[in-house]
C-alpha atoms as a PDB file:
ATOM      1  CA  MET A   1      -4.475  17.669  -3.100  1.00  0.00           C
ATOM      2  CA  TRP A   2      -0.796  18.575  -3.355  1.00  0.00           C
ATOM      3  CA  ILE A   3       1.204  17.282  -0.395  1.00  0.00           C
ATOM      4  CA  PHE A   4       4.601  18.895   0.045  1.00  0.00           C
ATOM      5  CA  PRO A   5       7.378  17.019   1.854  1.00  0.00           C
ATOM      6  CA  ALA A   6       7.969  17.990   5.476  1.00  0.00           C
ATOM      7  CA  ARG A   7      10.779  20.524   5.932  1.00  0.00           C
ATOM      8  CA  GLN A   8      13.204  21.146   8.758  1.00  0.00           C
ATOM      9  CA  LEU A   9      13.553  24.782   9.830  1.00  0.00           C
ATOM     10  CA  GLY A  10      16.342  24.483  12.368  1.00  0.00           C
ATOM     11  CA  PRO A  11      14.879  22.396  15.172  1.00  0.00           C
ATOM     12  CA  ARG A  12      11.315  22.903  13.883  1.00  0.00           C
ATOM     13  CA  GLU A  13       9.486  20.821  11.300  1.00  0.00           C
ATOM     14  CA  SER A  14       6.826  22.210   8.989  1.00  0.00           C
ATOM     15  CA  GLY A  15       4.512  20.773   6.387  1.00  0.00           C
ATOM     16  CA  LEU A  16       2.136  22.082   3.747  1.00  0.00           C
ATOM     17  CA  ALA A  17      -0.685  20.735   1.610  1.00  0.00           C
ATOM     18  CA  VAL A  18      -2.841  22.572  -0.908  1.00  0.00           C
ATOM     19  CA  LEU A  19      -6.382  21.372  -1.425  1.00  0.00           C
ATOM     20  CA  SER A  20      -8.510  22.192  -4.469  1.00  0.00           C
ATOM     21  CA  VAL A  21     -12.207  21.441  -3.880  1.00  0.00           C
ATOM     22  CA  PHE A  22     -15.272  21.593  -6.070  1.00  0.00           C
ATOM     23  CA  VAL A  23     -17.490  24.579  -5.383  1.00  0.00           C
ATOM     24  CA  GLU A  24     -20.936  23.638  -4.115  1.00  0.00           C
ATOM     25  CA  GLY A  25     -23.585  24.507  -6.675  1.00  0.00           C
ATOM     26  CA  ASP A  26     -21.106  24.601  -9.589  1.00  0.00           C
ATOM     27  CA  GLU A  27     -22.522  21.602 -11.442  1.00  0.00           C
ATOM     28  CA  ALA A  28     -20.221  22.241 -14.429  1.00  0.00           C
ATOM     29  CA  ARG A  29     -17.203  22.081 -12.052  1.00  0.00           C
ATOM     30  CA  ARG A  30     -15.612  25.167 -13.603  1.00  0.00           C
ATOM     31  CA  THR A  31     -14.337  26.639 -10.340  1.00  0.00           C
ATOM     32  CA  ARG A  32     -12.366  25.402  -7.343  1.00  0.00           C
ATOM     33  CA  THR A  33     -11.906  26.744  -3.834  1.00  0.00           C
ATOM     34  CA  ILE A  34      -8.275  26.571  -2.729  1.00  0.00           C
ATOM     35  CA  TYR A  35      -7.281  25.806   0.867  1.00  0.00           C
ATOM     36  CA  THR A  36      -3.840  25.597   2.402  1.00  0.00           C
ATOM     37  CA  ILE A  37      -3.230  23.208   5.268  1.00  0.00           C
ATOM     38  CA  GLY A  38      -0.032  23.680   7.215  1.00  0.00           C
ATOM     39  CA  TYR A  39       1.594  22.643  10.441  1.00  0.00           C
ATOM     40  CA  VAL A  40       4.630  23.566  12.504  1.00  0.00           C
ATOM     41  CA  LEU A  41       6.045  21.083  14.999  1.00  0.00           C
ATOM     42  CA  GLU A  42       8.142  22.666  17.728  1.00  0.00           C
ATOM     43  CA  PRO A  43      10.744  20.457  19.381  1.00  0.00           C
ATOM     44  CA  PRO A  44       9.934  19.430  22.923  1.00  0.00           C
ATOM     45  CA  ALA A  45      11.452  21.013  25.967  1.00  0.00           C
ATOM     46  CA  PRO A  46      13.219  18.520  28.219  1.00  0.00           C
ATOM     47  CA  ARG A  47      10.665  15.986  29.502  1.00  0.00           C
ATOM     48  CA  ALA A  48       7.848  17.596  27.504  1.00  0.00           C
ATOM     49  CA  ARG A  49       5.848  16.621  24.453  1.00  0.00           C
ATOM     50  CA  PRO A  50       6.388  18.313  21.082  1.00  0.00           C
ATOM     51  CA  VAL A  51       4.023  21.216  20.365  1.00  0.00           C
ATOM     52  CA  ARG A  52       2.203  21.156  17.038  1.00  0.00           C
ATOM     53  CA  ALA A  53       0.301  24.083  15.517  1.00  0.00           C
ATOM     54  CA  ASP A  54      -2.054  23.391  12.586  1.00  0.00           C
ATOM     55  CA  GLU A  55      -3.625  25.949  10.287  1.00  0.00           C
ATOM     56  CA  VAL A  56      -6.273  25.600   7.591  1.00  0.00           C
ATOM     57  CA  ALA A  57      -6.911  28.706   5.503  1.00  0.00           C
ATOM     58  CA  GLU A  58      -9.261  29.317   2.591  1.00  0.00           C
ATOM     59  CA  GLN A  59      -7.294  31.140  -0.089  1.00  0.00           C
ATOM     60  CA  GLY A  60     -10.112  31.879  -2.516  1.00  0.00           C
ATOM     61  CA  THR A  61     -12.147  30.526  -5.411  1.00  0.00           C
ATOM     62  CA  VAL A  62     -10.719  30.457  -8.917  1.00  0.00           C
ATOM     63  CA  PRO A  63     -11.530  29.086 -12.362  1.00  0.00           C
ATOM     64  CA  VAL A  64     -10.189  25.537 -12.738  1.00  0.00           C
ATOM     65  CA  ASP A  65      -7.618  26.621 -15.346  1.00  0.00           C
ATOM     66  CA  ARG A  66      -5.851  28.821 -12.758  1.00  0.00           C
ATOM     67  CA  VAL A  67      -5.230  26.084 -10.182  1.00  0.00           C
ATOM     68  CA  GLY A  68      -1.969  24.980 -11.843  1.00  0.00           C
ATOM     69  CA  ARG A  69      -0.633  28.550 -11.788  1.00  0.00           C
ATOM     70  CA  ILE A  70      -1.411  28.806  -8.081  1.00  0.00           C
ATOM     71  CA  ILE A  71       0.602  25.651  -7.385  1.00  0.00           C
ATOM     72  CA  GLU A  72       3.451  27.033  -9.503  1.00  0.00           C
ATOM     73  CA  GLY A  73       3.363  30.162  -7.320  1.00  0.00           C
ATOM     74  CA  VAL A  74       3.597  28.066  -4.158  1.00  0.00           C
ATOM     75  CA  LEU A  75       6.624  26.277  -5.610  1.00  0.00           C
ATOM     76  CA  ARG A  76       8.313  29.598  -6.486  1.00  0.00           C
ATOM     77  CA  ARG A  77       7.852  30.913  -2.932  1.00  0.00           C
ATOM     78  CA  LEU A  78       9.515  27.922  -1.309  1.00  0.00           C
ATOM     79  CA  ASP A  79      13.183  28.504  -0.509  1.00  0.00           C
ATOM     80  CA  GLU A  80      14.006  25.075  -1.893  1.00  0.00           C
ATOM     81  CA  PRO A  81      11.299  24.116  -4.389  1.00  0.00           C
ATOM     82  CA  GLU A  82      10.160  20.551  -3.882  1.00  0.00           C
ATOM     83  CA  ILE A  83       7.893  18.376  -5.949  1.00  0.00           C
ATOM     84  CA  PRO A  84       4.661  17.696  -4.068  1.00  0.00           C
ATOM     85  CA  GLY A  85       2.818  14.401  -4.084  1.00  0.00           C
ATOM     86  CA  VAL A  86      -0.469  14.766  -5.946  1.00  0.00           C
ATOM     87  CA  ARG A  87      -3.629  12.907  -4.942  1.00  0.00           C
ATOM     88  CA  GLU A  88      -6.937  13.157  -6.780  1.00  0.00           C
ATOM     89  CA  THR A  89     -10.368  12.031  -5.658  1.00  0.00           C
ATOM     90  CA  GLY A  90     -12.483  13.583  -8.416  1.00  0.00           C
ATOM     91  CA  GLY A  91     -15.121  14.509  -5.860  1.00  0.00           C
ATOM     92  CA  ASP A  92     -15.687  10.840  -4.920  1.00  0.00           C
ATOM     93  CA  ALA A  93     -16.565  10.685  -1.202  1.00  0.00           C
ATOM     94  CA  GLU A  94     -15.228   7.132  -0.808  1.00  0.00           C
ATOM     95  CA  LYS A  95     -11.859   8.037  -2.373  1.00  0.00           C
ATOM     96  CA  TRP A  96     -11.721  11.089  -0.052  1.00  0.00           C
ATOM     97  CA  LYS A  97     -12.279   8.865   3.004  1.00  0.00           C
ATOM     98  CA  GLU A  98      -9.590   6.452   1.798  1.00  0.00           C
ATOM     99  CA  LEU A  99      -7.139   9.333   1.313  1.00  0.00           C
ATOM    100  CA  LEU A 100      -7.846  10.690   4.788  1.00  0.00           C
ATOM    101  CA  ALA A 101      -7.327   7.241   6.289  1.00  0.00           C
ATOM    102  CA  GLU A 102      -4.059   6.841   4.374  1.00  0.00           C
ATOM    103  CA  LEU A 103      -2.821  10.211   5.614  1.00  0.00           C
ATOM    104  CA  GLY A 104      -3.860   9.468   9.205  1.00  0.00           C
ATOM    105  CA  GLY A 105      -7.072  11.528   9.200  1.00  0.00           C
ATOM    106  CA  VAL A 106     -10.084  10.891  11.365  1.00  0.00           C
ATOM    107  CA  SER A 107     -12.365   8.084  10.204  1.00  0.00           C
ATOM    108  CA  GLY A 108     -15.716   9.405   8.988  1.00  0.00           C
ATOM    109  CA  ALA A 109     -14.430  12.975   8.518  1.00  0.00           C
ATOM    110  CA  GLY A 110     -14.826  14.906   5.312  1.00  0.00           C
ATOM    111  CA  GLU A 111     -18.102  13.415   4.176  1.00  0.00           C
ATOM    112  CA  SER A 112     -18.367  15.962   1.345  1.00  0.00           C
ATOM    113  CA  GLY A 113     -15.959  14.144  -0.952  1.00  0.00           C
ATOM    114  CA  ARG A 114     -13.616  17.045  -1.365  1.00  0.00           C
END
């Protein structure tokens, strides 16, 4: 998982993460499915709560050697390229749960060890 720093777009905040997961049935682990996870946080109106919109999108399945090039492409498309934080679980379900807990995810979610 590549976690990009939050960005301010005027009064709005946005964030992006890219997730590379093992493909089910690919015992040799030669391919990965790529997902993008993004959010936009709109500032609140007076006396209102902020509005957050989340989006998870499957981008496709690629050979493992192409994952780095995809991340390089994401970096090129950013107006101000930033270095993402990188977290690896190696397909270990317990490490995945720990990462979700660290990032504020729901306990017990993501049982697949992505």
